[in-house]
Protein backbone atom coordinates (compact mmCIF):
# COMPACT_ATOMS: atom_id res chain seq x y z
CA UNK A 1 179.35 98.79 104.55
CA UNK A 2 180.82 96.37 102.03
CA UNK A 3 178.05 93.86 102.84
CA UNK A 4 175.37 96.47 102.06
CA UNK A 5 177.01 97.31 98.73
CA UNK A 6 177.18 93.61 97.82
CA UNK A 7 173.50 93.12 98.59
CA UNK A 8 172.58 96.18 96.49
CA UNK A 9 174.56 94.81 93.56
CA UNK A 10 172.79 91.45 93.87
CA UNK A 11 169.43 93.21 93.84
CA UNK A 12 170.33 95.12 90.67
CA UNK A 13 171.47 91.92 88.97
CA UNK A 14 168.19 90.25 89.90
CA UNK A 15 166.27 92.77 87.80
CA UNK A 16 167.82 91.08 84.75
CA UNK A 17 167.80 87.48 85.92
CA UNK A 18 164.30 87.58 87.43
CA UNK A 19 165.39 86.13 90.80
CA UNK A 20 167.22 87.39 93.88
CA UNK A 21 169.74 85.04 95.56
CA UNK A 22 170.83 86.33 98.99
CA UNK A 23 174.37 85.20 100.08
CA UNK A 24 175.10 83.07 103.14
CA UNK A 25 174.87 84.86 106.47
CA UNK A 26 176.14 82.10 108.75
CA UNK A 27 177.98 78.89 108.06
CA UNK A 28 176.69 77.06 104.96
CA UNK A 29 173.06 78.19 105.26
CA UNK A 30 171.51 80.53 102.65
CA UNK A 31 168.34 82.57 102.49
CA UNK A 32 165.72 81.20 100.02
CA UNK A 33 165.73 82.31 96.38
CA UNK A 34 163.03 84.98 95.95
CA UNK A 35 161.59 85.28 92.40
CA UNK A 36 161.01 88.79 91.07
CA UNK A 37 158.18 89.06 88.52
CA UNK A 38 159.01 91.35 85.60
CA UNK A 39 155.97 92.74 83.77
CA UNK A 40 155.68 92.33 80.01
CA UNK A 41 156.57 95.41 78.01
CA UNK A 42 153.25 96.50 76.51
CA UNK A 43 154.11 100.15 75.95
CA UNK A 44 153.91 99.62 72.18
CA UNK A 45 150.24 98.59 72.35
CA UNK A 46 147.19 100.82 72.13
CA UNK A 47 144.26 99.70 74.28
CA UNK A 48 140.62 100.63 73.95
CA UNK A 49 137.88 100.40 76.56
CA UNK A 50 135.09 97.88 76.11
CA UNK A 51 132.42 99.23 78.38
CA UNK A 52 133.83 99.74 81.86
CA UNK A 53 135.08 96.26 82.53
CA UNK A 54 137.53 95.23 79.79
CA UNK A 55 139.98 96.29 77.11
CA UNK A 56 140.85 95.24 73.57
CA UNK A 57 144.14 95.77 71.76
CA UNK A 58 143.27 98.45 69.20
CA UNK A 59 146.62 99.37 67.66
CA UNK A 60 150.42 99.32 67.71
CA UNK A 61 152.87 102.21 67.93
CA UNK A 62 156.28 100.62 68.45
CA UNK A 63 159.00 99.12 66.31
CA UNK A 64 159.76 96.06 68.42
CA UNK A 65 160.21 92.70 66.71
CA UNK A 66 158.52 90.77 69.51
CA UNK A 67 155.03 91.56 70.81
CA UNK A 68 153.22 90.11 73.81
CA UNK A 69 149.45 90.38 74.22
CA UNK A 70 148.83 90.63 77.98
CA UNK A 71 146.11 89.04 80.06
CA UNK A 72 145.21 92.32 81.77
CA UNK A 73 145.71 96.05 81.34
CA UNK A 74 145.23 98.49 84.19
CA UNK A 75 143.64 95.72 86.21
CA UNK A 76 141.03 94.84 83.59
CA UNK A 77 141.00 91.78 81.29
CA UNK A 78 142.18 92.10 77.68
CA UNK A 79 139.48 90.20 75.79
CA UNK A 80 140.49 90.47 72.14
CA UNK A 81 142.21 92.07 69.17
CA UNK A 82 140.25 94.79 67.37
CA UNK A 83 139.79 94.87 63.60
CA UNK A 84 142.99 96.00 61.79
CA UNK A 85 144.88 96.45 65.08
CA UNK A 86 148.22 95.28 63.58
CA UNK A 87 147.34 95.75 59.92
CA UNK A 88 150.38 96.41 57.69
CA UNK A 89 152.85 96.57 60.60
CA UNK A 90 156.16 95.52 59.05
CA UNK A 91 158.45 95.34 62.08
CA UNK A 92 156.86 92.49 64.06
CA UNK A 93 158.45 89.04 63.90
CA UNK A 94 156.79 87.16 66.76
CA UNK A 95 153.50 87.52 68.62
CA UNK A 96 152.79 85.70 71.87
CA UNK A 97 149.36 85.77 73.52
CA UNK A 98 149.02 85.40 77.23
CA UNK A 99 145.79 83.64 78.20
CA UNK A 100 142.67 85.81 78.14
CA UNK A 101 141.87 87.05 74.63
CA UNK A 102 138.79 85.33 73.18
CA UNK A 103 138.70 86.71 69.65
CA UNK A 104 140.82 88.11 66.84
CA UNK A 105 138.99 90.62 64.68
CA UNK A 106 138.83 91.13 60.92
CA UNK A 107 142.14 92.09 59.23
CA UNK A 108 143.72 92.13 62.70
CA UNK A 109 147.17 91.12 61.39
CA UNK A 110 146.61 91.60 57.64
CA UNK A 111 149.77 92.56 55.78
CA UNK A 112 151.81 92.07 58.94
CA UNK A 113 155.39 90.78 58.71
CA UNK A 114 154.87 88.33 61.59
CA UNK A 115 156.83 85.08 61.24
CA UNK A 116 155.64 83.23 64.36
CA UNK A 117 152.47 83.47 66.45
CA UNK A 118 151.29 81.58 69.53
CA UNK A 119 147.54 81.76 70.07
CA UNK A 120 145.97 81.27 73.53
CA UNK A 121 143.68 78.45 74.62
CA UNK A 122 141.18 81.14 75.64
CA UNK A 123 140.64 82.04 71.96
CA UNK A 124 137.14 81.24 70.61
CA UNK A 125 136.83 83.09 67.29
CA UNK A 126 139.09 84.13 64.41
CA UNK A 127 137.70 86.73 62.02
CA UNK A 128 137.68 87.36 58.28
CA UNK A 129 141.14 87.89 56.75
CA UNK A 130 142.70 88.07 60.21
CA UNK A 131 146.02 86.89 58.73
CA UNK A 132 145.61 88.08 55.14
CA UNK A 133 148.95 88.51 53.32
CA UNK A 134 150.99 87.38 56.33
CA UNK A 135 153.32 85.81 53.81
CA UNK A 136 156.21 85.28 56.26
CA UNK A 137 154.07 83.16 58.56
CA UNK A 138 155.11 79.51 58.23
CA UNK A 139 152.76 77.79 60.66
CA UNK A 140 149.69 78.37 62.78
CA UNK A 141 147.87 76.19 65.27
CA UNK A 142 144.17 76.74 66.05
CA UNK A 143 143.68 76.31 69.81
CA UNK A 144 141.34 73.83 71.45
CA UNK A 145 138.50 76.20 72.38
CA UNK A 146 138.03 77.94 69.03
CA UNK A 147 134.38 77.66 67.96
CA UNK A 148 134.29 79.98 64.94
CA UNK A 149 136.75 80.21 62.05
CA UNK A 150 136.10 82.44 59.08
CA UNK A 151 137.16 80.33 56.05
CA UNK A 152 139.24 83.26 54.84
CA UNK A 153 140.96 83.83 58.17
CA UNK A 154 144.36 83.07 56.67
CA UNK A 155 145.81 83.74 53.24
CA UNK A 156 149.56 83.51 53.55
CA UNK A 157 151.64 82.31 50.60
CA UNK A 158 154.39 80.92 52.83
CA UNK A 159 152.11 78.97 55.19
CA UNK A 160 153.33 75.37 55.32
CA UNK A 161 151.73 74.02 58.49
CA UNK A 162 148.07 74.51 59.40
CA UNK A 163 146.88 72.50 62.40
CA UNK A 164 144.11 72.35 64.99
CA UNK A 165 144.58 71.28 68.59
CA UNK A 166 143.46 67.66 68.91
CA UNK A 167 141.18 68.58 71.83
CA UNK A 168 139.10 70.97 69.71
CA UNK A 169 135.54 69.62 69.44
CA UNK A 170 134.40 71.82 66.52
CA UNK A 171 137.36 71.55 64.12
CA UNK A 172 140.15 69.15 63.21
CA UNK A 173 143.08 69.11 60.81
CA UNK A 174 144.50 66.52 58.43
CA UNK A 175 147.52 67.13 56.21
CA UNK A 176 147.36 70.93 56.64
CA UNK A 177 143.64 71.12 55.88
CA UNK A 178 141.01 72.19 58.43
CA UNK A 179 137.67 70.36 58.60
CA UNK A 180 134.53 70.92 60.62
CA UNK A 181 133.53 67.94 62.76
CA UNK A 182 130.19 66.21 63.10
CA UNK A 183 128.99 67.14 66.58
CA UNK A 184 128.02 63.54 67.40
CA UNK A 185 130.60 61.31 65.72
CA UNK A 186 133.50 63.77 65.71
CA UNK A 187 134.28 62.78 62.10
CA UNK A 188 135.17 65.45 59.52
CA UNK A 189 132.11 66.52 57.47
CA UNK A 190 133.01 69.85 55.86
CA UNK A 191 136.30 71.10 54.40
CA UNK A 192 136.86 74.64 55.73
CA UNK A 193 140.27 75.84 54.52
CA UNK A 194 143.76 74.69 53.57
CA UNK A 195 147.32 75.92 53.92
CA UNK A 196 148.28 77.92 50.85
CA UNK A 197 151.21 75.65 49.99
CA UNK A 198 149.28 72.35 49.71
CA UNK A 199 149.79 70.57 46.39
CA UNK A 200 147.42 67.61 46.59
CA UNK A 201 144.63 66.87 49.04
CA UNK A 202 142.86 63.58 49.80
CA UNK A 203 139.48 64.29 51.38
CA UNK A 204 138.09 61.74 53.90
CA UNK A 205 134.98 59.83 52.78
CA UNK A 206 132.92 61.29 55.63
CA UNK A 207 133.22 64.80 54.19
CA UNK A 208 130.17 65.90 52.18
CA UNK A 209 130.83 69.63 51.69
CA UNK A 210 133.67 71.80 50.40
CA UNK A 211 133.18 75.24 51.88
CA UNK A 212 133.29 78.81 50.65
CA UNK A 213 136.83 79.88 49.67
CA UNK A 214 138.14 76.54 50.93
CA UNK A 215 141.18 76.48 48.65
CA UNK A 216 141.47 80.19 47.92
CA UNK A 217 145.05 81.16 47.19
CA UNK A 218 146.35 77.58 46.96
CA UNK A 219 148.39 78.41 43.89
CA UNK A 220 150.32 75.12 43.87
CA UNK A 221 147.25 72.88 44.22
CA UNK A 222 147.13 70.41 41.33
CA UNK A 223 144.36 68.06 42.44
CA UNK A 224 141.79 67.24 45.14
CA UNK A 225 140.91 63.57 45.57
CA UNK A 226 137.35 62.86 46.69
CA UNK A 227 134.55 60.54 45.63
CA UNK A 228 130.80 60.65 45.11
CA UNK A 229 130.28 61.54 48.75
CA UNK A 230 130.65 65.27 48.01
CA UNK A 231 127.15 66.74 47.71
CA UNK A 232 127.92 70.46 47.95
CA UNK A 233 130.74 72.72 46.67
CA UNK A 234 130.31 76.33 47.73
CA UNK A 235 131.26 79.46 45.76
CA UNK A 236 134.87 80.59 45.36
CA UNK A 237 136.03 77.17 46.59
CA UNK A 238 138.93 77.06 44.11
CA UNK A 239 139.45 80.73 43.31
CA UNK A 240 143.05 81.46 42.40
CA UNK A 241 144.04 77.78 42.13
CA UNK A 242 145.97 78.45 38.95
CA UNK A 243 147.77 75.07 38.98
CA UNK A 244 144.63 72.96 39.39
CA UNK A 245 144.59 70.28 36.68
CA UNK A 246 141.36 68.37 37.28
CA UNK A 247 138.09 68.95 39.07
CA UNK A 248 135.51 66.20 39.60
CA UNK A 249 131.87 67.13 40.15
CA UNK A 250 129.88 64.10 41.40
CA UNK A 251 126.44 63.35 40.06
CA UNK A 252 123.80 65.48 41.78
CA UNK A 253 126.43 67.66 43.50
CA UNK A 254 125.12 71.15 44.27
CA UNK A 255 127.97 73.35 43.05
CA UNK A 256 128.01 77.13 43.14
CA UNK A 257 130.02 78.00 40.04
CA UNK A 258 130.74 81.62 40.98
CA UNK A 259 134.48 82.20 40.53
CA UNK A 260 134.94 78.49 39.82
CA UNK A 261 137.22 78.47 36.78
CA UNK A 262 138.71 81.95 36.65
CA UNK A 263 142.49 81.81 36.35
CA UNK A 264 142.60 78.02 35.86
CA UNK A 265 143.65 77.77 32.23
CA UNK A 266 144.73 74.13 32.42
CA UNK A 267 141.62 72.90 34.23
CA UNK A 268 139.70 69.86 33.00
CA UNK A 269 136.29 69.28 34.58
CA UNK A 270 134.95 65.75 34.91
CA UNK A 271 131.19 65.64 35.34
CA UNK A 272 128.05 63.84 34.27
CA UNK A 273 126.15 64.22 31.04
CA UNK A 274 123.24 66.62 31.24
CA UNK A 275 124.29 68.17 34.55
CA UNK A 276 124.56 71.94 35.01
CA UNK A 277 128.34 71.74 35.26
CA UNK A 278 128.52 70.62 31.61
CA UNK A 279 126.74 73.81 30.52
CA UNK A 280 129.03 75.89 32.73
CA UNK A 281 132.17 74.35 31.23
CA UNK A 282 130.95 74.98 27.70
CA UNK A 283 129.98 78.58 28.47
CA UNK A 284 133.41 79.32 29.99
CA UNK A 285 135.42 77.44 27.37
CA UNK A 286 136.74 74.89 29.87
CA UNK A 287 137.59 71.34 28.93
CA UNK A 288 134.82 68.97 29.96
CA UNK A 289 134.87 65.17 30.08
CA UNK A 290 131.33 63.78 30.18
CA UNK A 291 130.96 60.72 32.40
CA UNK A 292 128.28 58.07 32.35
CA UNK A 293 126.08 57.74 35.41
CA UNK A 294 124.87 54.41 36.74
CA UNK A 295 121.76 53.92 38.87
CA UNK A 296 120.75 50.93 40.96
CA UNK A 297 117.11 50.20 40.10
CA UNK A 298 114.70 48.99 42.78
CA UNK A 299 111.71 47.14 41.31
CA UNK A 300 108.60 46.91 43.47
CA UNK A 301 104.96 47.99 43.45
CA UNK A 302 103.99 47.64 47.12
CA UNK A 303 103.73 51.18 48.52
CA UNK A 304 104.66 49.95 52.01
CA UNK A 305 108.25 49.90 50.79
CA UNK A 306 108.14 53.62 49.92
CA UNK A 307 108.71 54.53 53.56
CA UNK A 308 111.63 52.22 54.27
CA UNK A 309 115.27 53.23 54.19
CA UNK A 310 116.70 50.84 51.60
CA UNK A 311 120.44 51.26 52.42
CA UNK A 312 121.46 50.68 48.82
CA UNK A 313 125.10 49.76 48.21
CA UNK A 314 127.11 48.95 45.13
CA UNK A 315 130.51 47.44 45.89
CA UNK A 316 133.33 46.98 43.38
CA UNK A 317 135.79 44.26 44.36
CA UNK A 318 139.11 43.73 42.55
CA UNK A 319 140.18 40.33 41.26
CA UNK A 320 142.43 39.91 44.31
CA UNK A 321 139.46 40.39 46.63
CA UNK A 322 140.24 43.99 47.60
CA UNK A 323 137.23 46.26 47.90
CA UNK A 324 138.05 49.03 45.45
CA UNK A 325 135.00 51.26 45.82
CA UNK A 326 131.67 51.41 47.63
CA UNK A 327 128.83 53.46 46.16
CA UNK A 328 125.20 54.26 46.88
CA UNK A 329 122.17 54.31 44.59
CA UNK A 330 123.79 56.61 42.00
CA UNK A 331 127.42 56.24 41.08
CA UNK A 332 130.13 56.88 38.53
CA UNK A 333 133.55 55.39 37.92
CA UNK A 334 135.75 58.49 37.92
CA UNK A 335 138.22 57.16 40.49
CA UNK A 336 138.12 53.51 39.40
CA UNK A 337 141.13 52.11 37.56
CA UNK A 338 140.73 50.02 34.41
CA UNK A 339 140.28 46.29 35.02
CA UNK A 340 137.87 43.48 35.83
CA UNK A 341 135.79 43.62 38.98
CA UNK A 342 133.02 41.89 40.86
CA UNK A 343 130.06 44.25 41.33
CA UNK A 344 127.81 43.38 44.26
CA UNK A 345 124.46 45.17 44.51
CA UNK A 346 122.28 45.00 47.60
CA UNK A 347 119.53 46.85 49.43
CA UNK A 348 117.45 46.30 52.53
CA UNK A 349 114.32 44.22 51.70
CA UNK A 350 115.77 43.42 48.28
CA UNK A 351 117.95 40.60 47.11
CA UNK A 352 121.65 40.65 46.31
CA UNK A 353 122.98 40.60 42.78
CA UNK A 354 126.59 39.68 41.94
CA UNK A 355 127.99 40.61 38.52
CA UNK A 356 131.31 40.44 36.71
CA UNK A 357 132.13 43.77 35.06
CA UNK A 358 134.98 45.42 33.18
CA UNK A 359 135.92 49.07 33.66
CA UNK A 360 137.73 51.00 30.97
CA UNK A 361 138.33 54.75 30.82
CA UNK A 362 135.93 55.49 33.72
CA UNK A 363 133.03 53.51 32.26
CA UNK A 364 131.80 49.91 32.03
CA UNK A 365 132.69 48.35 28.68
CA UNK A 366 129.21 46.82 28.71
CA UNK A 367 126.55 48.37 30.93
CA UNK A 368 125.44 45.75 33.48
CA UNK A 369 121.89 44.99 34.60
CA UNK A 370 121.64 47.01 37.80
CA UNK A 371 118.04 46.11 38.72
CA UNK A 372 117.20 44.64 42.11
CA UNK A 373 113.90 42.95 43.00
CA UNK A 374 112.14 42.87 46.33
CA UNK A 375 112.36 39.77 48.51
CA UNK A 376 109.92 37.04 47.46
CA UNK A 377 109.43 38.37 43.91
CA UNK A 378 110.29 35.04 42.28
CA UNK A 379 108.96 35.94 38.82
CA UNK A 380 110.64 39.38 38.83
CA UNK A 381 107.52 41.39 37.99
CA UNK A 382 107.90 43.93 40.79
CA UNK A 383 105.20 42.40 43.00
CA UNK A 384 105.00 39.70 45.65
CA UNK A 385 101.78 37.73 45.04
CA UNK A 386 100.45 34.27 44.21
CA UNK A 387 102.19 34.39 40.83
CA UNK A 388 105.51 34.02 42.68
CA UNK A 389 104.22 30.90 44.42
CA UNK A 390 103.26 29.47 41.02
CA UNK A 391 106.73 30.29 39.65
CA UNK A 392 108.42 28.43 42.52
CA UNK A 393 106.11 25.41 42.11
CA UNK A 394 107.01 25.18 38.41
CA UNK A 395 110.67 25.43 39.32
CA UNK A 396 110.33 22.57 41.80
CA UNK A 397 108.45 20.47 39.23
CA UNK A 398 111.15 21.38 36.67
CA UNK A 399 108.55 22.56 34.18
CA UNK A 400 110.10 26.04 34.30
CA UNK A 401 113.43 27.02 35.82
CA UNK A 402 113.83 30.19 37.88
CA UNK A 403 116.58 32.47 36.63
CA UNK A 404 119.70 33.11 38.66
CA UNK A 405 118.36 36.60 39.31
CA UNK A 406 115.14 35.18 40.71
CA UNK A 407 117.04 32.95 43.11
CA UNK A 408 119.73 35.41 44.22
CA UNK A 409 118.45 38.87 43.40
CA UNK A 410 114.82 38.28 44.44
CA UNK A 411 115.78 35.68 47.02
CA UNK A 412 113.19 33.11 46.07
CA UNK A 413 115.08 31.03 48.64
CA UNK A 414 113.25 32.80 51.45
CA UNK A 415 114.20 30.40 54.22
CA UNK A 416 117.85 30.82 53.17
CA UNK A 417 118.64 27.14 53.35
CA UNK A 418 120.66 27.26 50.13
CA UNK A 419 118.03 26.04 47.71
CA UNK A 420 114.47 26.76 46.61
CA UNK A 421 111.97 24.48 48.37
CA UNK A 422 108.34 24.26 49.54
CA UNK A 423 109.30 26.10 52.73
CA UNK A 424 109.92 29.16 50.57
CA UNK A 425 106.33 28.92 49.35
CA UNK A 426 105.21 28.80 52.99
CA UNK A 427 107.23 31.97 53.75
CA UNK A 428 105.59 33.85 50.87
CA UNK A 429 102.10 32.64 51.88
CA UNK A 430 102.67 33.90 55.43
CA UNK A 431 103.74 37.25 54.01
CA UNK A 432 100.61 37.51 51.86
CA UNK A 433 98.39 36.62 54.81
CA UNK A 434 100.12 39.20 56.98
CA UNK A 435 101.11 36.71 59.68
CA UNK A 436 104.88 37.02 59.07
CA UNK A 437 106.33 39.64 56.75
CA UNK A 438 109.27 39.07 54.44
CA UNK A 439 110.37 42.68 54.92
CA UNK A 440 112.10 44.55 57.69
CA UNK A 441 110.17 47.74 58.31
């Protein structure tokens, strides 16, 4: 009788420990430990049918601090969280998802007091304002299979850590900022959203777009560091960034100015003369610093070159040999420090020009000659013809000397042997006859 009572007591204890350990029955041998599975308490959750095959979590009725989203309910899969399911619930502290749910709806946890949340790898989409005003939430990690993030999915003033699983193929995170990846290279190409507590952000050079509401609610943000690679800034990108000090708008950048400067009393906009952003700044009484724009000029008349990708680059190199900045055809000096530099200009099927320049207060002290001439254009008239052969002959006879630009920028030295010679004339003649072109098409 005592043995039966002991076994009953062990069984009762196992309901709390999760396992049943049966005592020895002979000698030193024991029966195996038998685990007892205890179901999650989901009595506080309201479920709603989705067709006849699945459920969603549609609401919450309890006052528990810890909530678990189950994989199944009544034998059917739980596939998501309905819009506003936990909206304004102030008792919840932690939320743990079991695997299964694939989406979180709009406003699902808005105004919720949740402090910690673990999202499942099964999750694929996070909706608009899903975590709006979850100001106690300190961190959130976007799982590896998420394919759709609304840029306003989170607006939490206490959020310090915003990350994406490194295995996610659509999104990635750097320094608490989420970016969309290029589907081929995997590099970041569009800035999606940032943690509300970020103060400064350095955007990778591969990023070309800053998305809608990207920095909304980043009240402590003082500056965003990016170069001329940004070609598009969408509306509301900086709404509510009351601490933002400077905003740079690259030349030719397509910027939607809706809600751009509201609430940013200390904002100074740096942009280019004659661009739309200058008019916007004046209309909204914002400080505007007009920058000079520099353009690499390509001089040619042969229409065959119209269809070739020139790959124009302008490279600034510091006196110590460090490459300070690389630009394309159009560029400005907003992020370039004062000092002396070597400016190297080059383009496919054009020569290379090397200049010494001085930068002061985001501009060149003296505007350099930024024109490039096509290969073989020895007299720098924009054409490759017999006149270039004549110019080289005069140079060889020393009756007229080719300029440094003609030799380096137009590459009169076509055979690239280090000096201008008769073989360069032969190369140009072959080009004119069509037997061997000077250009890579």
